[in-house]
Amino acid sequence: MRPFAQPASGGAQRPVGSSGDTDDAGHIEYRVAHLRDRLAAEELAELGVRAEVRAGSVVVSGTVPSAECREVLLRTVHEELAGLAVHTDVVVAETASPDHAEDLP
């Protein structure tokens, strides 16, 4: 049976390899899962953003309601995934009312 290490911040346990480190893919998945938890639970409470592991890097994509939310999101991503290759495609939704009437054919 493989021993388990408890993460410092609590949460799910993760298997530890013979050298004491998890394999890279499992380690990345663990960190991405922790990021998802933070995005859903903390001040941002952002559920419209996806974080996925693709070819050894992490892709964060989605739409947020404001530029401030985008900045908080990007800061959280960089805190959680420091040292990993991260690609972000997070856009701000245009929520302002139109400044002119729409012309229909």
PDB file of N, CA and C in Angstrom:
ATOM      1  N   MET A   1       0.844  -1.175   0.000  1.00  0.00           N
ATOM      2  CA  MET A   1       0.000   0.000   0.000  1.00  0.00           C
ATOM      3  C   MET A   1       0.886   1.232   0.000  1.00  0.00           C
ATOM      4  N   ARG A   2       0.540   2.215  -0.814  1.00  0.00           N
ATOM      5  CA  ARG A   2       1.323   3.446  -0.902  1.00  0.00           C
ATOM      6  C   ARG A   2       0.867   4.418   0.170  1.00  0.00           C
ATOM      7  N   PRO A   3       1.793   5.115   0.811  1.00  0.00           N
ATOM      8  CA  PRO A   3       1.406   6.105   1.822  1.00  0.00           C
ATOM      9  C   PRO A   3       0.746   7.310   1.179  1.00  0.00           C
ATOM     10  N   PHE A   4       0.048   8.099   1.991  1.00  0.00           N
ATOM     11  CA  PHE A   4      -0.619   9.301   1.508  1.00  0.00           C
ATOM     12  C   PHE A   4      -0.060  10.523   2.213  1.00  0.00           C
ATOM     13  N   ALA A   5      -0.008  11.628   1.463  1.00  0.00           N
ATOM     14  CA  ALA A   5       0.427  12.902   2.034  1.00  0.00           C
ATOM     15  C   ALA A   5      -0.775  13.812   2.131  1.00  0.00           C
ATOM     16  N   GLN A   6      -0.934  14.467   3.256  1.00  0.00           N
ATOM     17  CA  GLN A   6      -2.029  15.422   3.431  1.00  0.00           C
ATOM     18  C   GLN A   6      -1.547  16.783   2.973  1.00  0.00           C
ATOM     19  N   PRO A   7      -2.251  17.450   2.039  1.00  0.00           N
ATOM     20  CA  PRO A   7      -1.849  18.780   1.605  1.00  0.00           C
ATOM     21  C   PRO A   7      -1.907  19.760   2.771  1.00  0.00           C
ATOM     22  N   ALA A   8      -1.050  20.777   2.726  1.00  0.00           N
ATOM     23  CA  ALA A   8      -0.962  21.748   3.808  1.00  0.00           C
ATOM     24  C   ALA A   8      -2.263  22.490   4.019  1.00  0.00           C
ATOM     25  N   SER A   9      -3.041  22.732   2.961  1.00  0.00           N
ATOM     26  CA  SER A   9      -4.264  23.509   3.073  1.00  0.00           C
ATOM     27  C   SER A   9      -5.489  22.640   3.328  1.00  0.00           C
ATOM     28  N   GLY A  10      -5.295  21.359   3.604  1.00  0.00           N
ATOM     29  CA  GLY A  10      -6.433  20.464   3.804  1.00  0.00           C
ATOM     30  C   GLY A  10      -6.915  19.951   2.470  1.00  0.00           C
ATOM     31  N   GLY A  11      -8.001  19.221   2.463  1.00  0.00           N
ATOM     32  CA  GLY A  11      -8.558  18.724   1.217  1.00  0.00           C
ATOM     33  C   GLY A  11      -8.221  17.263   1.002  1.00  0.00           C
ATOM     34  N   ALA A  12      -8.328  16.819  -0.230  1.00  0.00           N
ATOM     35  CA  ALA A  12      -8.151  15.414  -0.567  1.00  0.00           C
ATOM     36  C   ALA A  12      -6.711  14.976  -0.400  1.00  0.00           C
ATOM     37  N   GLN A  13      -6.561  13.713  -0.054  1.00  0.00           N
ATOM     38  CA  GLN A  13      -5.220  13.165   0.053  1.00  0.00           C
ATOM     39  C   GLN A  13      -4.739  12.755  -1.322  1.00  0.00           C
ATOM     40  N   ARG A  14      -3.416  12.703  -1.469  1.00  0.00           N
ATOM     41  CA  ARG A  14      -2.850  12.296  -2.750  1.00  0.00           C
ATOM     42  C   ARG A  14      -1.786  11.240  -2.506  1.00  0.00           C
ATOM     43  N   PRO A  15      -1.669  10.243  -3.401  1.00  0.00           N
ATOM     44  CA  PRO A  15      -0.665   9.210  -3.207  1.00  0.00           C
ATOM     45  C   PRO A  15       0.733   9.781  -3.372  1.00  0.00           C
ATOM     46  N   VAL A  16       1.649   9.216  -2.615  1.00  0.00           N
ATOM     47  CA  VAL A  16       3.034   9.644  -2.683  1.00  0.00           C
ATOM     48  C   VAL A  16       3.841   8.502  -3.268  1.00  0.00           C
ATOM     49  N   GLY A  17       4.706   8.816  -4.207  1.00  0.00           N
ATOM     50  CA  GLY A  17       5.562   7.815  -4.824  1.00  0.00           C
ATOM     51  C   GLY A  17       6.674   7.392  -3.888  1.00  0.00           C
ATOM     52  N   SER A  18       7.511   6.467  -4.314  1.00  0.00           N
ATOM     53  CA  SER A  18       8.577   5.952  -3.469  1.00  0.00           C
ATOM     54  C   SER A  18       9.596   7.015  -3.108  1.00  0.00           C
ATOM     55  N   SER A  19       9.744   8.044  -3.957  1.00  0.00           N
ATOM     56  CA  SER A  19      10.700   9.098  -3.660  1.00  0.00           C
ATOM     57  C   SER A  19      10.073  10.213  -2.837  1.00  0.00           C
ATOM     58  N   GLY A  20       8.766  10.132  -2.553  1.00  0.00           N
ATOM     59  CA  GLY A  20       8.093  11.167  -1.783  1.00  0.00           C
ATOM     60  C   GLY A  20       7.392  12.193  -2.650  1.00  0.00           C
ATOM     61  N   ASP A  21       7.556  12.130  -3.964  1.00  0.00           N
ATOM     62  CA  ASP A  21       6.919  13.077  -4.882  1.00  0.00           C
ATOM     63  C   ASP A  21       5.912  12.343  -5.737  1.00  0.00           C
ATOM     64  N   THR A  22       4.854  13.045  -6.126  1.00  0.00           N
ATOM     65  CA  THR A  22       3.902  12.457  -7.055  1.00  0.00           C
ATOM     66  C   THR A  22       4.459  12.585  -8.458  1.00  0.00           C
ATOM     67  N   ASP A  23       3.920  11.808  -9.391  1.00  0.00           N
ATOM     68  CA  ASP A  23       4.345  11.970 -10.771  1.00  0.00           C
ATOM     69  C   ASP A  23       3.841  13.310 -11.288  1.00  0.00           C
ATOM     70  N   ASP A  24       4.458  13.837 -12.345  1.00  0.00           N
ATOM     71  CA  ASP A  24       4.143  15.174 -12.835  1.00  0.00           C
ATOM     72  C   ASP A  24       2.680  15.336 -13.218  1.00  0.00           C
ATOM     73  N   ALA A  25       2.115  14.360 -13.953  1.00  0.00           N
ATOM     74  CA  ALA A  25       0.728  14.487 -14.401  1.00  0.00           C
ATOM     75  C   ALA A  25      -0.227  14.531 -13.215  1.00  0.00           C
ATOM     76  N   GLY A  26      -0.023  13.671 -12.229  1.00  0.00           N
ATOM     77  CA  GLY A  26      -0.871  13.667 -11.046  1.00  0.00           C
ATOM     78  C   GLY A  26      -0.719  14.936 -10.242  1.00  0.00           C
ATOM     79  N   HIS A  27       0.490  15.441 -10.172  1.00  0.00           N
ATOM     80  CA  HIS A  27       0.765  16.676  -9.442  1.00  0.00           C
ATOM     81  C   HIS A  27       0.060  17.853 -10.105  1.00  0.00           C
ATOM     82  N   ILE A  28       0.111  17.919 -11.417  1.00  0.00           N
ATOM     83  CA  ILE A  28      -0.556  19.011 -12.148  1.00  0.00           C
ATOM     84  C   ILE A  28      -2.064  18.908 -11.953  1.00  0.00           C
ATOM     85  N   GLU A  29      -2.628  17.719 -12.076  1.00  0.00           N
ATOM     86  CA  GLU A  29      -4.070  17.529 -11.902  1.00  0.00           C
ATOM     87  C   GLU A  29      -4.498  17.944 -10.491  1.00  0.00           C
ATOM     88  N   TYR A  30      -3.695  17.612  -9.503  1.00  0.00           N
ATOM     89  CA  TYR A  30      -3.987  17.982  -8.122  1.00  0.00           C
ATOM     90  C   TYR A  30      -4.021  19.496  -7.979  1.00  0.00           C
ATOM     91  N   ARG A  31      -3.037  20.187  -8.547  1.00  0.00           N
ATOM     92  CA  ARG A  31      -2.974  21.649  -8.449  1.00  0.00           C
ATOM     93  C   ARG A  31      -4.118  22.310  -9.202  1.00  0.00           C
ATOM     94  N   VAL A  32      -4.501  21.756 -10.357  1.00  0.00           N
ATOM     95  CA  VAL A  32      -5.631  22.298 -11.120  1.00  0.00           C
ATOM     96  C   VAL A  32      -6.931  22.100 -10.345  1.00  0.00           C
ATOM     97  N   ALA A  33      -7.103  20.947  -9.710  1.00  0.00           N
ATOM     98  CA  ALA A  33      -8.298  20.706  -8.903  1.00  0.00           C
ATOM     99  C   ALA A  33      -8.363  21.698  -7.741  1.00  0.00           C
ATOM    100  N   HIS A  34      -7.231  21.978  -7.125  1.00  0.00           N
ATOM    101  CA  HIS A  34      -7.191  22.951  -6.028  1.00  0.00           C
ATOM    102  C   HIS A  34      -7.546  24.347  -6.558  1.00  0.00           C
ATOM    103  N   LEU A  35      -7.067  24.696  -7.746  1.00  0.00           N
ATOM    104  CA  LEU A  35      -7.417  25.973  -8.366  1.00  0.00           C
ATOM    105  C   LEU A  35      -8.926  26.060  -8.588  1.00  0.00           C
ATOM    106  N   ARG A  36      -9.527  25.007  -9.124  1.00  0.00           N
ATOM    107  CA  ARG A  36     -10.976  24.999  -9.355  1.00  0.00           C
ATOM    108  C   ARG A  36     -11.736  25.226  -8.048  1.00  0.00           C
ATOM    109  N   ASP A  37     -11.276  24.575  -6.979  1.00  0.00           N
ATOM    110  CA  ASP A  37     -11.918  24.763  -5.675  1.00  0.00           C
ATOM    111  C   ASP A  37     -11.829  26.217  -5.234  1.00  0.00           C
ATOM    112  N   ARG A  38     -10.662  26.823  -5.373  1.00  0.00           N
ATOM    113  CA  ARG A  38     -10.498  28.224  -4.973  1.00  0.00           C
ATOM    114  C   ARG A  38     -11.373  29.153  -5.809  1.00  0.00           C
ATOM    115  N   LEU A  39     -11.440  28.910  -7.105  1.00  0.00           N
ATOM    116  CA  LEU A  39     -12.247  29.773  -7.973  1.00  0.00           C
ATOM    117  C   LEU A  39     -13.723  29.699  -7.605  1.00  0.00           C
ATOM    118  N   ALA A  40     -14.191  28.535  -7.204  1.00  0.00           N
ATOM    119  CA  ALA A  40     -15.597  28.364  -6.869  1.00  0.00           C
ATOM    120  C   ALA A  40     -15.929  28.857  -5.463  1.00  0.00           C
ATOM    121  N   ALA A  41     -14.975  28.797  -4.542  1.00  0.00           N
ATOM    122  CA  ALA A  41     -15.284  29.046  -3.136  1.00  0.00           C
ATOM    123  C   ALA A  41     -14.898  30.430  -2.638  1.00  0.00           C
ATOM    124  N   GLU A  42     -13.874  31.026  -3.176  1.00  0.00           N
ATOM    125  CA  GLU A  42     -13.387  32.281  -2.627  1.00  0.00           C
ATOM    126  C   GLU A  42     -14.193  33.459  -3.123  1.00  0.00           C
ATOM    127  N   GLU A  43     -13.711  34.666  -2.856  1.00  0.00           N
ATOM    128  CA  GLU A  43     -14.421  35.902  -3.172  1.00  0.00           C
ATOM    129  C   GLU A  43     -14.899  35.977  -4.614  1.00  0.00           C
ATOM    130  N   LEU A  44     -14.162  35.401  -5.522  1.00  0.00           N
ATOM    131  CA  LEU A  44     -14.515  35.459  -6.936  1.00  0.00           C
ATOM    132  C   LEU A  44     -15.759  34.634  -7.242  1.00  0.00           C
ATOM    133  N   ALA A  45     -15.876  33.440  -6.642  1.00  0.00           N
ATOM    134  CA  ALA A  45     -17.000  32.520  -6.850  1.00  0.00           C
ATOM    135  C   ALA A  45     -17.300  32.361  -8.340  1.00  0.00           C
ATOM    136  N   GLU A  46     -16.260  32.158  -9.120  1.00  0.00           N
ATOM    137  CA  GLU A  46     -16.373  32.098 -10.574  1.00  0.00           C
ATOM    138  C   GLU A  46     -16.524  30.656 -11.035  1.00  0.00           C
ATOM    139  N   LEU A  47     -17.698  30.325 -11.566  1.00  0.00           N
ATOM    140  CA  LEU A  47     -17.955  28.980 -12.067  1.00  0.00           C
ATOM    141  C   LEU A  47     -17.922  28.913 -13.583  1.00  0.00           C
ATOM    142  N   GLY A  48     -17.812  30.053 -14.256  1.00  0.00           N
ATOM    143  CA  GLY A  48     -17.824  30.090 -15.713  1.00  0.00           C
ATOM    144  C   GLY A  48     -16.449  29.998 -16.337  1.00  0.00           C
ATOM    145  N   VAL A  49     -15.453  29.613 -15.547  1.00  0.00           N
ATOM    146  CA  VAL A  49     -14.087  29.505 -16.047  1.00  0.00           C
ATOM    147  C   VAL A  49     -13.665  28.050 -15.958  1.00  0.00           C
ATOM    148  N   ARG A  50     -13.021  27.574 -17.010  1.00  0.00           N
ATOM    149  CA  ARG A  50     -12.546  26.189 -17.052  1.00  0.00           C
ATOM    150  C   ARG A  50     -11.032  26.151 -16.949  1.00  0.00           C
ATOM    151  N   ALA A  51     -10.519  25.176 -16.249  1.00  0.00           N
ATOM    152  CA  ALA A  51      -9.081  24.931 -16.168  1.00  0.00           C
ATOM    153  C   ALA A  51      -8.860  23.471 -16.529  1.00  0.00           C
ATOM    154  N   GLU A  52      -8.063  23.249 -17.571  1.00  0.00           N
ATOM    155  CA  GLU A  52      -7.831  21.896 -18.074  1.00  0.00           C
ATOM    156  C   GLU A  52      -6.354  21.676 -18.339  1.00  0.00           C
ATOM    157  N   VAL A  53      -5.917  20.446 -18.156  1.00  0.00           N
ATOM    158  CA  VAL A  53      -4.542  20.080 -18.480  1.00  0.00           C
ATOM    159  C   VAL A  53      -4.528  19.581 -19.911  1.00  0.00           C
ATOM    160  N   ARG A  54      -3.665  20.184 -20.713  1.00  0.00           N
ATOM    161  CA  ARG A  54      -3.520  19.775 -22.117  1.00  0.00           C
ATOM    162  C   ARG A  54      -2.035  19.718 -22.453  1.00  0.00           C
ATOM    163  N   ALA A  55      -1.581  18.554 -22.826  1.00  0.00           N
ATOM    164  CA  ALA A  55      -0.197  18.351 -23.277  1.00  0.00           C
ATOM    165  C   ALA A  55       0.822  18.908 -22.279  1.00  0.00           C
ATOM    166  N   GLY A  56       0.606  18.641 -21.002  1.00  0.00           N
ATOM    167  CA  GLY A  56       1.564  19.047 -19.989  1.00  0.00           C
ATOM    168  C   GLY A  56       1.478  20.493 -19.547  1.00  0.00           C
ATOM    169  N   SER A  57       0.556  21.273 -20.110  1.00  0.00           N
ATOM    170  CA  SER A  57       0.368  22.651 -19.659  1.00  0.00           C
ATOM    171  C   SER A  57      -1.090  22.811 -19.253  1.00  0.00           C
ATOM    172  N   VAL A  58      -1.403  23.947 -18.634  1.00  0.00           N
ATOM    173  CA  VAL A  58      -2.757  24.194 -18.157  1.00  0.00           C
ATOM    174  C   VAL A  58      -3.372  25.302 -18.999  1.00  0.00           C
ATOM    175  N   VAL A  59      -4.601  25.077 -19.450  1.00  0.00           N
ATOM    176  CA  VAL A  59      -5.343  26.071 -20.213  1.00  0.00           C
ATOM    177  C   VAL A  59      -6.498  26.551 -19.347  1.00  0.00           C
ATOM    178  N   VAL A  60      -6.545  27.858 -19.116  1.00  0.00           N
ATOM    179  CA  VAL A  60      -7.619  28.476 -18.338  1.00  0.00           C
ATOM    180  C   VAL A  60      -8.406  29.341 -19.313  1.00  0.00           C
ATOM    181  N   SER A  61      -9.711  29.062 -19.442  1.00  0.00           N
ATOM    182  CA  SER A  61     -10.528  29.805 -20.401  1.00  0.00           C
ATOM    183  C   SER A  61     -11.903  30.079 -19.827  1.00  0.00           C
ATOM    184  N   GLY A  62     -12.551  31.090 -20.381  1.00  0.00           N
ATOM    185  CA  GLY A  62     -13.905  31.411 -19.955  1.00  0.00           C
ATOM    186  C   GLY A  62     -14.190  32.888 -20.063  1.00  0.00           C
ATOM    187  N   THR A  63     -15.321  33.291 -19.498  1.00  0.00           N
ATOM    188  CA  THR A  63     -15.779  34.675 -19.541  1.00  0.00           C
ATOM    189  C   THR A  63     -16.083  35.135 -18.126  1.00  0.00           C
ATOM    190  N   VAL A  64     -15.642  36.341 -17.804  1.00  0.00           N
ATOM    191  CA  VAL A  64     -15.899  36.931 -16.492  1.00  0.00           C
ATOM    192  C   VAL A  64     -16.661  38.238 -16.684  1.00  0.00           C
ATOM    193  N   PRO A  65     -17.354  38.726 -15.638  1.00  0.00           N
ATOM    194  CA  PRO A  65     -18.201  39.906 -15.801  1.00  0.00           C
ATOM    195  C   PRO A  65     -17.482  41.250 -15.832  1.00  0.00           C
ATOM    196  N   SER A  66     -16.235  41.327 -15.345  1.00  0.00           N
ATOM    197  CA  SER A  66     -15.561  42.629 -15.310  1.00  0.00           C
ATOM    198  C   SER A  66     -14.050  42.464 -15.406  1.00  0.00           C
ATOM    199  N   ALA A  67     -13.385  43.564 -15.720  1.00  0.00           N
ATOM    200  CA  ALA A  67     -11.922  43.555 -15.787  1.00  0.00           C
ATOM    201  C   ALA A  67     -11.322  43.271 -14.416  1.00  0.00           C
ATOM    202  N   GLU A  68     -11.962  43.767 -13.364  1.00  0.00           N
ATOM    203  CA  GLU A  68     -11.485  43.506 -12.004  1.00  0.00           C
ATOM    204  C   GLU A  68     -11.540  42.012 -11.684  1.00  0.00           C
ATOM    205  N   CYS A  69     -12.632  41.360 -12.071  1.00  0.00           N
ATOM    206  CA  CYS A  69     -12.758  39.910 -11.870  1.00  0.00           C
ATOM    207  C   CYS A  69     -11.674  39.166 -12.639  1.00  0.00           C
ATOM    208  N   ARG A  70     -11.384  39.628 -13.838  1.00  0.00           N
ATOM    209  CA  ARG A  70     -10.339  39.002 -14.648  1.00  0.00           C
ATOM    210  C   ARG A  70      -8.985  39.116 -13.950  1.00  0.00           C
ATOM    211  N   GLU A  71      -8.681  40.276 -13.385  1.00  0.00           N
ATOM    212  CA  GLU A  71      -7.409  40.469 -12.686  1.00  0.00           C
ATOM    213  C   GLU A  71      -7.300  39.571 -11.452  1.00  0.00           C
ATOM    214  N   VAL A  72      -8.386  39.469 -10.683  1.00  0.00           N
ATOM    215  CA  VAL A  72      -8.397  38.593  -9.508  1.00  0.00           C
ATOM    216  C   VAL A  72      -8.215  37.146  -9.946  1.00  0.00           C
ATOM    217  N   LEU A  73      -8.912  36.764 -11.009  1.00  0.00           N
ATOM    218  CA  LEU A  73      -8.800  35.407 -11.532  1.00  0.00           C
ATOM    219  C   LEU A  73      -7.366  35.098 -11.955  1.00  0.00           C
ATOM    220  N   LEU A  74      -6.754  35.981 -12.738  1.00  0.00           N
ATOM    221  CA  LEU A  74      -5.392  35.745 -13.217  1.00  0.00           C
ATOM    222  C   LEU A  74      -4.399  35.698 -12.060  1.00  0.00           C
ATOM    223  N   ARG A  75      -4.583  36.540 -11.064  1.00  0.00           N
ATOM    224  CA  ARG A  75      -3.701  36.518  -9.889  1.00  0.00           C
ATOM    225  C   ARG A  75      -3.827  35.180  -9.157  1.00  0.00           C
ATOM    226  N   THR A  76      -5.058  34.689  -8.994  1.00  0.00           N
ATOM    227  CA  THR A  76      -5.290  33.405  -8.336  1.00  0.00           C
ATOM    228  C   THR A  76      -4.665  32.263  -9.133  1.00  0.00           C
ATOM    229  N   VAL A  77      -4.822  32.304 -10.448  1.00  0.00           N
ATOM    230  CA  VAL A  77      -4.232  31.269 -11.307  1.00  0.00           C
ATOM    231  C   VAL A  77      -2.719  31.251 -11.150  1.00  0.00           C
ATOM    232  N   HIS A  78      -2.105  32.418 -11.167  1.00  0.00           N
ATOM    233  CA  HIS A  78      -0.645  32.473 -11.056  1.00  0.00           C
ATOM    234  C   HIS A  78      -0.156  32.043  -9.673  1.00  0.00           C
ATOM    235  N   GLU A  79      -0.927  32.313  -8.627  1.00  0.00           N
ATOM    236  CA  GLU A  79      -0.565  31.855  -7.285  1.00  0.00           C
ATOM    237  C   GLU A  79      -0.616  30.339  -7.199  1.00  0.00           C
ATOM    238  N   GLU A  80      -1.693  29.755  -7.697  1.00  0.00           N
ATOM    239  CA  GLU A  80      -1.893  28.312  -7.591  1.00  0.00           C
ATOM    240  C   GLU A  80      -1.005  27.505  -8.529  1.00  0.00           C
ATOM    241  N   LEU A  81      -0.726  28.051  -9.706  1.00  0.00           N
ATOM    242  CA  LEU A  81      -0.028  27.268 -10.728  1.00  0.00           C
ATOM    243  C   LEU A  81       1.371  27.799 -11.016  1.00  0.00           C
ATOM    244  N   ALA A  82       1.969  28.476 -10.058  1.00  0.00           N
ATOM    245  CA  ALA A  82       3.328  29.006 -10.237  1.00  0.00           C
ATOM    246  C   ALA A  82       4.280  27.879 -10.629  1.00  0.00           C
ATOM    247  N   GLY A  83       5.084  28.141 -11.631  1.00  0.00           N
ATOM    248  CA  GLY A  83       6.051  27.152 -12.096  1.00  0.00           C
ATOM    249  C   GLY A  83       5.539  26.245 -13.201  1.00  0.00           C
ATOM    250  N   LEU A  84       4.260  26.320 -13.520  1.00  0.00           N
ATOM    251  CA  LEU A  84       3.691  25.505 -14.598  1.00  0.00           C
ATOM    252  C   LEU A  84       3.468  26.363 -15.829  1.00  0.00           C
ATOM    253  N   ALA A  85       3.448  25.719 -16.985  1.00  0.00           N
ATOM    254  CA  ALA A  85       3.104  26.423 -18.220  1.00  0.00           C
ATOM    255  C   ALA A  85       1.596  26.637 -18.227  1.00  0.00           C
ATOM    256  N   VAL A  86       1.174  27.908 -18.241  1.00  0.00           N
ATOM    257  CA  VAL A  86      -0.247  28.247 -18.185  1.00  0.00           C
ATOM    258  C   VAL A  86      -0.589  29.137 -19.374  1.00  0.00           C
ATOM    259  N   HIS A  87      -1.662  28.786 -20.072  1.00  0.00           N
ATOM    260  CA  HIS A  87      -2.180  29.595 -21.172  1.00  0.00           C
ATOM    261  C   HIS A  87      -3.563  30.076 -20.759  1.00  0.00           C
ATOM    262  N   THR A  88      -3.800  31.381 -20.854  1.00  0.00           N
ATOM    263  CA  THR A  88      -5.098  31.911 -20.448  1.00  0.00           C
ATOM    264  C   THR A  88      -5.832  32.520 -21.636  1.00  0.00           C
ATOM    265  N   ASP A  89      -7.115  32.260 -21.669  1.00  0.00           N
ATOM    266  CA  ASP A  89      -8.009  32.838 -22.671  1.00  0.00           C
ATOM    267  C   ASP A  89      -9.283  33.238 -21.928  1.00  0.00           C
ATOM    268  N   VAL A  90      -9.143  34.273 -21.088  1.00  0.00           N
ATOM    269  CA  VAL A  90     -10.252  34.739 -20.262  1.00  0.00           C
ATOM    270  C   VAL A  90     -10.668  36.105 -20.776  1.00  0.00           C
ATOM    271  N   VAL A  91     -11.933  36.223 -21.174  1.00  0.00           N
ATOM    272  CA  VAL A  91     -12.429  37.478 -21.730  1.00  0.00           C
ATOM    273  C   VAL A  91     -13.445  38.107 -20.784  1.00  0.00           C
ATOM    274  N   VAL A  92     -13.605  39.412 -20.909  1.00  0.00           N
ATOM    275  CA  VAL A  92     -14.561  40.158 -20.112  1.00  0.00           C
ATOM    276  C   VAL A  92     -15.844  40.305 -20.914  1.00  0.00           C
ATOM    277  N   ALA A  93     -16.968  39.943 -20.318  1.00  0.00           N
ATOM    278  CA  ALA A  93     -18.270  40.070 -20.985  1.00  0.00           C
ATOM    279  C   ALA A  93     -18.629  41.540 -21.102  1.00  0.00           C
ATOM    280  N   GLU A  94     -19.159  41.905 -22.224  1.00  0.00           N
ATOM    281  CA  GLU A  94     -19.621  43.281 -22.429  1.00  0.00           C
ATOM    282  C   GLU A  94     -21.013  43.385 -21.834  1.00  0.00           C
ATOM    283  N   THR A  95     -21.122  44.088 -20.703  1.00  0.00           N
ATOM    284  CA  THR A  95     -22.411  44.182 -20.025  1.00  0.00           C
ATOM    285  C   THR A  95     -23.032  45.573 -20.107  1.00  0.00           C
ATOM    286  N   ALA A  96     -22.345  46.496 -20.764  1.00  0.00           N
ATOM    287  CA  ALA A  96     -22.878  47.855 -20.892  1.00  0.00           C
ATOM    288  C   ALA A  96     -23.989  47.862 -21.940  1.00  0.00           C
ATOM    289  N   SER A  97     -24.934  48.756 -21.761  1.00  0.00           N
ATOM    290  CA  SER A  97     -26.003  48.874 -22.753  1.00  0.00           C
ATOM    291  C   SER A  97     -25.431  49.470 -24.036  1.00  0.00           C
ATOM    292  N   PRO A  98     -26.006  49.126 -25.175  1.00  0.00           N
ATOM    293  CA  PRO A  98     -25.494  49.636 -26.436  1.00  0.00           C
ATOM    294  C   PRO A  98     -25.603  51.164 -26.518  1.00  0.00           C
ATOM    295  N   ASP A  99     -24.684  51.777 -27.215  1.00  0.00           N
ATOM    296  CA  ASP A  99     -24.703  53.236 -27.344  1.00  0.00           C
ATOM    297  C   ASP A  99     -25.444  53.714 -28.599  1.00  0.00           C
ATOM    298  N   HIS A 100     -25.912  52.742 -29.411  1.00  0.00           N
ATOM    299  CA  HIS A 100     -26.665  53.096 -30.615  1.00  0.00           C
ATOM    300  C   HIS A 100     -27.663  51.985 -30.933  1.00  0.00           C
ATOM    301  N   ALA A 101     -28.663  52.311 -31.731  1.00  0.00           N
ATOM    302  CA  ALA A 101     -29.675  51.346 -32.105  1.00  0.00           C
ATOM    303  C   ALA A 101     -29.096  50.352 -33.122  1.00  0.00           C
ATOM    304  N   GLU A 102     -29.578  49.129 -33.045  1.00  0.00           N
ATOM    305  CA  GLU A 102     -29.147  48.105 -33.982  1.00  0.00           C
ATOM    306  C   GLU A 102     -29.919  48.269 -35.300  1.00  0.00           C
ATOM    307  N   ASP A 103     -29.205  48.270 -36.413  1.00  0.00           N
ATOM    308  CA  ASP A 103     -29.832  48.370 -37.733  1.00  0.00           C
ATOM    309  C   ASP A 103     -30.072  46.975 -38.267  1.00  0.00           C
ATOM    310  N   LEU A 104     -31.329  46.660 -38.530  1.00  0.00           N
ATOM    311  CA  LEU A 104     -31.685  45.362 -39.063  1.00  0.00           C
ATOM    312  C   LEU A 104     -32.043  45.503 -40.535  1.00  0.00           C
ATOM    313  N   PRO A 105     -31.663  44.550 -41.379  1.00  0.00           N
ATOM    314  CA  PRO A 105     -32.000  44.628 -42.810  1.00  0.00           C
ATOM    315  C   PRO A 105     -33.463  44.405 -43.086  1.00  0.00           C
TER     316      PRO A 105
END
